Amino acid sequence: MKNVITLGGSTSKNSINKQLAEYVGSTLKGVKVTQLDLNDYQLPVYSIDIEKEQGFSKDLKNLNEQIESADGIVLSLAEHNGAYSAAFKNAFDWLSRIDGKVWRNKPMLLLSTSPGVRGGQSVMDIALSRFPFNGGNIVGSMTFPSFDQNFKDGGIVNKELELKLIELSDHFLKSL
């Protein structure tokens, strides 16, 4: 059975991006889904000096192994000031030191959401241009606008957005 990891690019305990990634993961049929949480990985702020002095932490190696063993990735990025959250960027920086092809060319469904109408479009643009250089095989992407209005009680209430996510999820599954 194929293994898909879900990850929200935020350390917020109530991360809407984690909720979205996990929701999409819950709709995938015929695969094992492993939910990752950045809060489970204690990573110091990346520094070449720390890397030289301490090497790669156990938590970093564990996160890297989760990505390595996955057949596909559902990632939803939080947008902080128009870019990645600091926690995600830090994890991404550390992971790139183990293997520059962080995403290992595994099929990726790339999402972003926010309370606003752009749904994290700025961070999506950054990731779409950056991730291919880091082994990102992005088979589908979507910004999910106005999370608080379009996602309620654990599900999508906007039918147009729901249909688009179903289509993207089906394409993602076929790419595994």
N, C-alpha and C. Protein backbone atom coordinates (compact mmCIF):
# COMPACT_ATOMS: atom_id res chain seq x y z
N MET A 1 0.84 -1.18 0.00
CA MET A 1 0.00 0.00 0.00
C MET A 1 0.89 1.24 0.00
N LYS A 2 0.52 2.20 -0.82
CA LYS A 2 1.28 3.46 -0.92
C LYS A 2 1.10 4.27 0.36
N ASN A 3 2.15 5.02 0.72
CA ASN A 3 2.14 5.86 1.91
C ASN A 3 2.22 7.32 1.50
N VAL A 4 1.27 8.10 1.96
CA VAL A 4 1.22 9.54 1.70
C VAL A 4 1.38 10.26 3.03
N ILE A 5 2.25 11.28 3.04
CA ILE A 5 2.36 12.10 4.24
C ILE A 5 1.61 13.41 4.01
N THR A 6 1.01 13.91 5.09
CA THR A 6 0.39 15.23 5.06
C THR A 6 1.16 16.12 6.02
N LEU A 7 1.29 17.38 5.64
CA LEU A 7 2.02 18.33 6.47
C LEU A 7 1.45 19.72 6.26
N GLY A 8 1.19 20.39 7.37
CA GLY A 8 0.82 21.81 7.33
C GLY A 8 2.05 22.62 7.67
N GLY A 9 2.36 23.62 6.88
CA GLY A 9 3.60 24.38 7.03
C GLY A 9 3.53 25.44 8.11
N SER A 10 3.11 25.05 9.31
CA SER A 10 2.95 25.98 10.42
C SER A 10 3.08 25.21 11.73
N THR A 11 3.45 25.90 12.79
CA THR A 11 3.47 25.27 14.11
C THR A 11 2.29 25.71 14.97
N SER A 12 1.35 26.43 14.41
CA SER A 12 0.16 26.81 15.15
C SER A 12 -0.61 25.55 15.56
N LYS A 13 -1.02 25.49 16.80
CA LYS A 13 -1.81 24.34 17.27
C LYS A 13 -3.14 24.25 16.54
N ASN A 14 -3.63 25.36 16.06
CA ASN A 14 -4.90 25.40 15.33
C ASN A 14 -4.68 25.73 13.86
N SER A 15 -3.58 25.28 13.31
CA SER A 15 -3.20 25.62 11.94
C SER A 15 -4.28 25.24 10.94
N ILE A 16 -4.73 26.23 10.19
CA ILE A 16 -5.72 25.95 9.14
C ILE A 16 -5.07 25.20 7.98
N ASN A 17 -3.77 25.37 7.80
CA ASN A 17 -3.08 24.64 6.74
C ASN A 17 -2.93 23.17 7.12
N LYS A 18 -2.67 22.89 8.37
CA LYS A 18 -2.63 21.50 8.83
C LYS A 18 -4.02 20.88 8.67
N GLN A 19 -5.06 21.63 9.03
CA GLN A 19 -6.42 21.12 8.89
C GLN A 19 -6.73 20.78 7.43
N LEU A 20 -6.33 21.66 6.52
CA LEU A 20 -6.60 21.43 5.11
C LEU A 20 -5.83 20.22 4.60
N ALA A 21 -4.54 20.12 4.92
CA ALA A 21 -3.73 18.98 4.47
C ALA A 21 -4.30 17.67 5.01
N GLU A 22 -4.66 17.66 6.28
CA GLU A 22 -5.20 16.44 6.87
C GLU A 22 -6.58 16.09 6.31
N TYR A 23 -7.39 17.11 6.03
CA TYR A 23 -8.68 16.86 5.40
C TYR A 23 -8.48 16.18 4.05
N VAL A 24 -7.60 16.73 3.23
CA VAL A 24 -7.34 16.14 1.92
C VAL A 24 -6.82 14.71 2.09
N GLY A 25 -5.90 14.52 3.04
CA GLY A 25 -5.39 13.18 3.31
C GLY A 25 -6.50 12.21 3.67
N SER A 26 -7.49 12.67 4.42
CA SER A 26 -8.59 11.79 4.85
C SER A 26 -9.49 11.38 3.69
N THR A 27 -9.43 12.11 2.59
CA THR A 27 -10.29 11.77 1.43
C THR A 27 -9.60 10.82 0.46
N LEU A 28 -8.31 10.58 0.66
CA LEU A 28 -7.56 9.72 -0.27
C LEU A 28 -7.88 8.26 0.03
N LYS A 29 -8.31 7.56 -0.97
CA LYS A 29 -8.72 6.16 -0.82
C LYS A 29 -7.61 5.22 -1.30
N GLY A 30 -7.43 4.12 -0.57
CA GLY A 30 -6.50 3.08 -0.98
C GLY A 30 -5.04 3.37 -0.68
N VAL A 31 -4.78 4.34 0.20
CA VAL A 31 -3.41 4.65 0.60
C VAL A 31 -3.35 4.77 2.11
N LYS A 32 -2.16 4.54 2.65
CA LYS A 32 -1.92 4.81 4.06
C LYS A 32 -1.54 6.28 4.18
N VAL A 33 -2.14 7.00 5.11
CA VAL A 33 -1.83 8.42 5.30
C VAL A 33 -1.16 8.60 6.65
N THR A 34 -0.01 9.26 6.64
CA THR A 34 0.73 9.58 7.85
C THR A 34 0.71 11.09 8.02
N GLN A 35 0.13 11.55 9.13
CA GLN A 35 0.03 12.98 9.39
C GLN A 35 1.27 13.44 10.15
N LEU A 36 2.01 14.37 9.56
CA LEU A 36 3.17 14.94 10.22
C LEU A 36 2.81 16.31 10.79
N ASP A 37 3.45 16.67 11.89
CA ASP A 37 3.22 17.95 12.55
C ASP A 37 4.58 18.57 12.85
N LEU A 38 4.83 19.76 12.35
CA LEU A 38 6.12 20.41 12.59
C LEU A 38 6.43 20.55 14.08
N ASN A 39 5.41 20.57 14.92
CA ASN A 39 5.63 20.68 16.37
C ASN A 39 6.34 19.45 16.94
N ASP A 40 6.32 18.34 16.21
CA ASP A 40 6.95 17.11 16.69
C ASP A 40 8.44 17.06 16.41
N TYR A 41 8.97 18.09 15.76
CA TYR A 41 10.38 18.10 15.36
C TYR A 41 11.05 19.35 15.93
N GLN A 42 11.88 19.15 16.93
CA GLN A 42 12.58 20.26 17.56
C GLN A 42 13.85 20.55 16.77
N LEU A 43 13.85 21.64 16.03
CA LEU A 43 14.98 22.00 15.18
C LEU A 43 15.46 23.39 15.56
N PRO A 44 16.75 23.53 15.90
CA PRO A 44 17.24 24.88 16.17
C PRO A 44 17.20 25.70 14.90
N VAL A 45 17.23 27.02 15.04
CA VAL A 45 17.29 27.88 13.87
C VAL A 45 18.55 27.51 13.09
N TYR A 46 18.37 27.28 11.78
CA TYR A 46 19.49 26.77 10.99
C TYR A 46 20.68 27.72 11.04
N SER A 47 21.84 27.14 11.22
CA SER A 47 23.11 27.86 11.19
C SER A 47 24.18 26.87 10.75
N ILE A 48 25.02 27.28 9.85
CA ILE A 48 26.13 26.43 9.43
C ILE A 48 27.01 26.08 10.61
N ASP A 49 27.14 27.00 11.58
CA ASP A 49 27.95 26.73 12.76
C ASP A 49 27.34 25.61 13.60
N ILE A 50 26.01 25.64 13.79
CA ILE A 50 25.35 24.56 14.54
C ILE A 50 25.49 23.25 13.78
N GLU A 51 25.34 23.29 12.47
CA GLU A 51 25.49 22.07 11.69
C GLU A 51 26.90 21.49 11.87
N LYS A 52 27.91 22.32 11.80
CA LYS A 52 29.30 21.84 11.95
C LYS A 52 29.57 21.31 13.35
N GLU A 53 29.03 22.00 14.36
CA GLU A 53 29.30 21.62 15.75
C GLU A 53 28.47 20.42 16.22
N GLN A 54 27.21 20.35 15.77
CA GLN A 54 26.30 19.33 16.32
C GLN A 54 25.82 18.32 15.28
N GLY A 55 26.01 18.61 14.02
CA GLY A 55 25.52 17.69 12.99
C GLY A 55 24.01 17.76 12.87
N PHE A 56 23.43 16.69 12.37
CA PHE A 56 21.98 16.63 12.15
C PHE A 56 21.32 15.97 13.36
N SER A 57 20.30 16.64 13.88
CA SER A 57 19.62 16.13 15.07
C SER A 57 18.79 14.88 14.75
N LYS A 58 18.46 14.17 15.79
CA LYS A 58 17.61 12.98 15.67
C LYS A 58 16.26 13.36 15.05
N ASP A 59 15.69 14.48 15.51
CA ASP A 59 14.39 14.92 14.97
C ASP A 59 14.48 15.24 13.48
N LEU A 60 15.56 15.89 13.07
CA LEU A 60 15.73 16.19 11.66
C LEU A 60 15.85 14.91 10.85
N LYS A 61 16.64 13.98 11.33
CA LYS A 61 16.79 12.70 10.63
C LYS A 61 15.45 11.97 10.53
N ASN A 62 14.66 12.03 11.59
CA ASN A 62 13.34 11.41 11.60
C ASN A 62 12.43 12.05 10.55
N LEU A 63 12.40 13.37 10.50
CA LEU A 63 11.59 14.06 9.50
C LEU A 63 12.05 13.71 8.10
N ASN A 64 13.33 13.69 7.89
CA ASN A 64 13.88 13.33 6.59
C ASN A 64 13.48 11.90 6.20
N GLU A 65 13.53 10.98 7.16
CA GLU A 65 13.14 9.59 6.89
C GLU A 65 11.66 9.49 6.53
N GLN A 66 10.83 10.32 7.15
CA GLN A 66 9.40 10.31 6.82
C GLN A 66 9.19 10.71 5.35
N ILE A 67 9.92 11.72 4.91
CA ILE A 67 9.82 12.16 3.52
C ILE A 67 10.38 11.08 2.60
N GLU A 68 11.52 10.54 2.97
CA GLU A 68 12.17 9.50 2.15
C GLU A 68 11.27 8.28 1.96
N SER A 69 10.56 7.88 3.00
CA SER A 69 9.76 6.65 2.93
C SER A 69 8.38 6.87 2.32
N ALA A 70 7.99 8.10 2.11
CA ALA A 70 6.67 8.39 1.55
C ALA A 70 6.65 8.16 0.04
N ASP A 71 5.47 7.82 -0.46
CA ASP A 71 5.26 7.71 -1.90
C ASP A 71 4.70 9.00 -2.48
N GLY A 72 4.12 9.84 -1.63
CA GLY A 72 3.56 11.10 -2.06
C GLY A 72 3.41 12.05 -0.88
N ILE A 73 3.26 13.33 -1.19
CA ILE A 73 3.23 14.37 -0.16
C ILE A 73 2.06 15.32 -0.42
N VAL A 74 1.26 15.55 0.62
CA VAL A 74 0.24 16.60 0.59
C VAL A 74 0.72 17.67 1.56
N LEU A 75 1.09 18.81 1.01
CA LEU A 75 1.67 19.89 1.80
C LEU A 75 0.83 21.15 1.62
N SER A 76 0.42 21.74 2.75
CA SER A 76 -0.32 22.99 2.72
C SER A 76 0.49 24.05 3.47
N LEU A 77 0.86 25.08 2.77
CA LEU A 77 1.76 26.11 3.30
C LEU A 77 1.01 27.28 3.91
N ALA A 78 1.44 27.64 5.11
CA ALA A 78 0.96 28.87 5.74
C ALA A 78 1.73 30.04 5.15
N GLU A 79 1.07 31.18 5.08
CA GLU A 79 1.71 32.38 4.56
C GLU A 79 1.89 33.36 5.71
N HIS A 80 3.15 33.70 5.97
CA HIS A 80 3.48 34.70 6.98
C HIS A 80 4.21 35.84 6.29
N ASN A 81 3.60 37.00 6.27
CA ASN A 81 4.19 38.18 5.62
C ASN A 81 4.60 37.89 4.18
N GLY A 82 3.75 37.16 3.48
CA GLY A 82 3.96 36.92 2.06
C GLY A 82 4.95 35.81 1.73
N ALA A 83 5.38 35.04 2.73
CA ALA A 83 6.37 33.98 2.49
C ALA A 83 6.06 32.79 3.40
N TYR A 84 6.98 31.80 3.40
CA TYR A 84 6.83 30.63 4.28
C TYR A 84 6.82 31.07 5.74
N SER A 85 6.18 30.27 6.59
CA SER A 85 6.30 30.49 8.03
C SER A 85 7.76 30.23 8.42
N ALA A 86 8.20 30.86 9.49
CA ALA A 86 9.59 30.68 9.93
C ALA A 86 9.87 29.22 10.26
N ALA A 87 8.92 28.54 10.89
CA ALA A 87 9.13 27.13 11.26
C ALA A 87 9.29 26.25 10.03
N PHE A 88 8.46 26.47 9.01
CA PHE A 88 8.58 25.67 7.79
C PHE A 88 9.90 25.97 7.08
N LYS A 89 10.23 27.24 6.95
CA LYS A 89 11.47 27.62 6.26
C LYS A 89 12.68 27.02 6.97
N ASN A 90 12.65 27.01 8.29
CA ASN A 90 13.75 26.43 9.05
C ASN A 90 13.87 24.93 8.78
N ALA A 91 12.75 24.22 8.82
CA ALA A 91 12.77 22.78 8.53
C ALA A 91 13.24 22.53 7.10
N PHE A 92 12.76 23.32 6.17
CA PHE A 92 13.16 23.20 4.76
C PHE A 92 14.67 23.43 4.61
N ASP A 93 15.20 24.44 5.30
CA ASP A 93 16.63 24.71 5.24
C ASP A 93 17.44 23.53 5.79
N TRP A 94 17.03 23.01 6.95
CA TRP A 94 17.74 21.87 7.53
C TRP A 94 17.66 20.66 6.60
N LEU A 95 16.47 20.36 6.10
CA LEU A 95 16.30 19.20 5.23
C LEU A 95 17.17 19.30 3.98
N SER A 96 17.30 20.51 3.45
CA SER A 96 18.09 20.69 2.24
C SER A 96 19.58 20.42 2.47
N ARG A 97 20.01 20.45 3.71
CA ARG A 97 21.40 20.15 4.02
C ARG A 97 21.67 18.64 4.00
N ILE A 98 20.64 17.84 4.27
CA ILE A 98 20.78 16.39 4.18
C ILE A 98 20.74 15.97 2.72
N ASP A 99 19.77 16.53 1.99
CA ASP A 99 19.60 16.20 0.57
C ASP A 99 18.98 17.43 -0.10
N GLY A 100 19.70 18.01 -1.03
CA GLY A 100 19.19 19.20 -1.73
C GLY A 100 17.88 18.95 -2.45
N LYS A 101 17.64 17.71 -2.81
CA LYS A 101 16.36 17.33 -3.43
C LYS A 101 15.40 16.92 -2.31
N VAL A 102 15.07 17.87 -1.47
CA VAL A 102 14.27 17.66 -0.27
C VAL A 102 13.05 16.78 -0.53
N TRP A 103 12.35 17.02 -1.63
CA TRP A 103 11.07 16.35 -1.89
C TRP A 103 11.23 15.07 -2.70
N ARG A 104 12.45 14.73 -3.08
CA ARG A 104 12.81 13.44 -3.69
C ARG A 104 12.03 13.11 -4.96
N ASN A 105 11.53 14.12 -5.64
CA ASN A 105 10.76 13.93 -6.88
C ASN A 105 9.51 13.09 -6.67
N LYS A 106 9.02 13.07 -5.46
CA LYS A 106 7.78 12.34 -5.14
C LYS A 106 6.60 13.20 -5.54
N PRO A 107 5.52 12.59 -6.02
CA PRO A 107 4.34 13.38 -6.36
C PRO A 107 3.90 14.23 -5.16
N MET A 108 3.62 15.48 -5.43
CA MET A 108 3.24 16.42 -4.37
C MET A 108 1.97 17.16 -4.78
N LEU A 109 1.03 17.20 -3.84
CA LEU A 109 -0.14 18.06 -3.97
C LEU A 109 0.14 19.25 -3.07
N LEU A 110 0.34 20.40 -3.68
CA LEU A 110 0.75 21.60 -2.96
C LEU A 110 -0.44 22.53 -2.78
N LEU A 111 -0.71 22.86 -1.53
CA LEU A 111 -1.86 23.69 -1.17
C LEU A 111 -1.40 24.86 -0.31
N SER A 112 -2.25 25.85 -0.23
CA SER A 112 -2.09 26.92 0.75
C SER A 112 -3.47 27.46 1.05
N THR A 113 -3.63 27.94 2.26
CA THR A 113 -4.89 28.59 2.62
C THR A 113 -4.59 29.72 3.60
N SER A 114 -5.56 30.61 3.70
CA SER A 114 -5.47 31.72 4.65
C SER A 114 -6.89 32.22 4.90
N PRO A 115 -7.05 33.08 5.89
CA PRO A 115 -8.38 33.66 6.12
C PRO A 115 -8.78 34.63 4.99
N GLY A 116 -7.80 35.08 4.21
CA GLY A 116 -8.07 36.07 3.17
C GLY A 116 -8.46 35.48 1.84
N VAL A 117 -8.88 36.36 0.92
CA VAL A 117 -9.40 35.93 -0.38
C VAL A 117 -8.32 35.39 -1.31
N ARG A 118 -7.05 35.67 -1.04
CA ARG A 118 -5.98 35.15 -1.91
C ARG A 118 -5.54 33.75 -1.51
N GLY A 119 -5.89 33.30 -0.32
CA GLY A 119 -5.62 31.94 0.09
C GLY A 119 -4.15 31.57 0.15
N GLY A 120 -3.29 32.53 0.41
CA GLY A 120 -1.86 32.24 0.48
C GLY A 120 -1.19 32.24 -0.88
N GLN A 121 -1.70 33.03 -1.80
CA GLN A 121 -1.17 33.04 -3.16
C GLN A 121 0.31 33.42 -3.22
N SER A 122 0.76 34.33 -2.36
CA SER A 122 2.16 34.75 -2.40
C SER A 122 3.10 33.61 -2.04
N VAL A 123 2.80 32.86 -0.98
CA VAL A 123 3.65 31.73 -0.60
C VAL A 123 3.54 30.62 -1.64
N MET A 124 2.38 30.45 -2.24
CA MET A 124 2.23 29.46 -3.31
C MET A 124 3.14 29.80 -4.48
N ASP A 125 3.16 31.06 -4.87
CA ASP A 125 4.03 31.48 -5.98
C ASP A 125 5.50 31.19 -5.67
N ILE A 126 5.91 31.45 -4.44
CA ILE A 126 7.29 31.18 -4.04
C ILE A 126 7.58 29.68 -4.14
N ALA A 127 6.70 28.87 -3.59
CA ALA A 127 6.91 27.42 -3.59
C ALA A 127 6.89 26.84 -5.00
N LEU A 128 5.98 27.32 -5.84
CA LEU A 128 5.91 26.80 -7.22
C LEU A 128 7.19 27.10 -7.99
N SER A 129 7.82 28.22 -7.69
CA SER A 129 9.06 28.54 -8.40
C SER A 129 10.29 27.90 -7.74
N ARG A 130 10.24 27.63 -6.44
CA ARG A 130 11.41 27.11 -5.71
C ARG A 130 11.45 25.58 -5.65
N PHE A 131 10.33 24.94 -5.34
CA PHE A 131 10.33 23.51 -5.05
C PHE A 131 10.87 22.63 -6.19
N PRO A 132 10.61 22.95 -7.46
CA PRO A 132 11.18 22.09 -8.51
C PRO A 132 12.71 21.97 -8.44
N PHE A 133 13.38 23.00 -7.95
CA PHE A 133 14.83 22.93 -7.79
C PHE A 133 15.24 22.02 -6.64
N ASN A 134 14.28 21.75 -5.75
CA ASN A 134 14.52 20.91 -4.59
C ASN A 134 13.78 19.58 -4.70
N GLY A 135 13.63 19.10 -5.92
CA GLY A 135 13.01 17.79 -6.12
C GLY A 135 11.51 17.79 -5.97
N GLY A 136 10.87 18.92 -6.13
CA GLY A 136 9.42 19.00 -6.02
C GLY A 136 8.74 18.58 -7.32
N ASN A 137 8.06 17.47 -7.29
CA ASN A 137 7.28 16.98 -8.43
C ASN A 137 5.82 17.37 -8.16
N ILE A 138 5.51 18.62 -8.40
CA ILE A 138 4.18 19.16 -8.07
C ILE A 138 3.20 18.73 -9.14
N VAL A 139 2.32 17.79 -8.79
CA VAL A 139 1.35 17.27 -9.76
C VAL A 139 0.02 18.02 -9.68
N GLY A 140 -0.12 18.86 -8.68
CA GLY A 140 -1.32 19.69 -8.55
C GLY A 140 -1.10 20.73 -7.48
N SER A 141 -1.73 21.89 -7.66
CA SER A 141 -1.61 22.95 -6.66
C SER A 141 -2.90 23.75 -6.62
N MET A 142 -3.14 24.32 -5.44
CA MET A 142 -4.38 25.09 -5.26
C MET A 142 -4.25 25.99 -4.05
N THR A 143 -4.68 27.23 -4.23
CA THR A 143 -4.87 28.10 -3.09
C THR A 143 -6.34 27.99 -2.68
N PHE A 144 -6.56 27.96 -1.38
CA PHE A 144 -7.90 27.79 -0.83
C PHE A 144 -8.25 29.09 -0.09
N PRO A 145 -9.08 29.94 -0.70
CA PRO A 145 -9.33 31.27 -0.12
C PRO A 145 -10.31 31.23 1.05
N SER A 146 -10.25 32.27 1.85
CA SER A 146 -11.24 32.53 2.91
C SER A 146 -11.58 31.27 3.69
N PHE A 147 -10.57 30.69 4.32
CA PHE A 147 -10.72 29.40 5.00
C PHE A 147 -11.92 29.40 5.94
N ASP A 148 -12.06 30.43 6.75
CA ASP A 148 -13.11 30.43 7.77
C ASP A 148 -14.52 30.42 7.19
N GLN A 149 -14.69 30.91 5.97
CA GLN A 149 -16.00 30.88 5.32
C GLN A 149 -16.21 29.60 4.51
N ASN A 150 -15.13 29.00 4.02
CA ASN A 150 -15.24 27.87 3.09
C ASN A 150 -14.98 26.51 3.71
N PHE A 151 -14.56 26.46 4.96
CA PHE A 151 -14.27 25.20 5.65
C PHE A 151 -14.89 25.28 7.03
N LYS A 152 -15.89 24.46 7.28
CA LYS A 152 -16.59 24.48 8.57
C LYS A 152 -16.89 23.06 9.03
N ASP A 153 -16.83 22.87 10.32
CA ASP A 153 -17.15 21.57 10.93
C ASP A 153 -16.39 20.42 10.27
N GLY A 154 -15.12 20.66 9.96
CA GLY A 154 -14.26 19.61 9.43
C GLY A 154 -14.45 19.30 7.96
N GLY A 155 -15.15 20.17 7.23
CA GLY A 155 -15.36 19.91 5.81
C GLY A 155 -15.49 21.18 4.99
N ILE A 156 -15.44 20.99 3.69
CA ILE A 156 -15.54 22.12 2.76
C ILE A 156 -17.01 22.41 2.48
N VAL A 157 -17.39 23.66 2.65
CA VAL A 157 -18.79 24.04 2.41
C VAL A 157 -18.99 24.68 1.05
N ASN A 158 -17.92 25.12 0.43
CA ASN A 158 -18.00 25.71 -0.91
C ASN A 158 -17.86 24.58 -1.93
N LYS A 159 -18.93 24.27 -2.64
CA LYS A 159 -18.96 23.12 -3.56
C LYS A 159 -17.96 23.26 -4.70
N GLU A 160 -17.75 24.47 -5.19
CA GLU A 160 -16.80 24.68 -6.28
C GLU A 160 -15.37 24.33 -5.82
N LEU A 161 -15.01 24.79 -4.62
CA LEU A 161 -13.69 24.46 -4.07
C LEU A 161 -13.57 22.97 -3.79
N GLU A 162 -14.64 22.38 -3.29
CA GLU A 162 -14.64 20.94 -3.00
C GLU A 162 -14.42 20.13 -4.28
N LEU A 163 -15.11 20.48 -5.34
CA LEU A 163 -14.95 19.77 -6.61
C LEU A 163 -13.52 19.92 -7.16
N LYS A 164 -12.96 21.10 -7.04
CA LYS A 164 -11.59 21.31 -7.51
C LYS A 164 -10.61 20.46 -6.71
N LEU A 165 -10.80 20.39 -5.39
CA LEU A 165 -9.91 19.57 -4.56
C LEU A 165 -10.08 18.08 -4.86
N ILE A 166 -11.29 17.65 -5.13
CA ILE A 166 -11.53 16.25 -5.49
C ILE A 166 -10.79 15.92 -6.78
N GLU A 167 -10.89 16.81 -7.76
CA GLU A 167 -10.21 16.60 -9.04
C GLU A 167 -8.69 16.53 -8.84
N LEU A 168 -8.14 17.46 -8.06
CA LEU A 168 -6.70 17.47 -7.79
C LEU A 168 -6.28 16.21 -7.02
N SER A 169 -7.08 15.80 -6.06
CA SER A 169 -6.76 14.61 -5.26
C SER A 169 -6.77 13.36 -6.13
N ASP A 170 -7.73 13.27 -7.04
CA ASP A 170 -7.79 12.12 -7.96
C ASP A 170 -6.55 12.08 -8.84
N HIS A 171 -6.15 13.22 -9.36
CA HIS A 171 -4.95 13.30 -10.19
C HIS A 171 -3.71 12.92 -9.37
N PHE A 172 -3.65 13.40 -8.15
CA PHE A 172 -2.54 13.08 -7.25
C PHE A 172 -2.45 11.57 -7.03
N LEU A 173 -3.59 10.94 -6.72
CA LEU A 173 -3.60 9.50 -6.49
C LEU A 173 -3.11 8.72 -7.70
N LYS A 174 -3.51 9.15 -8.88
CA LYS A 174 -3.10 8.47 -10.12
C LYS A 174 -1.60 8.61 -10.35
N SER A 175 -0.99 9.65 -9.79
CA SER A 175 0.44 9.90 -10.01
C SER A 175 1.34 9.09 -9.06
N LEU A 176 0.72 8.48 -8.05
CA LEU A 176 1.52 7.72 -7.06
C LEU A 176 2.08 6.45 -7.66
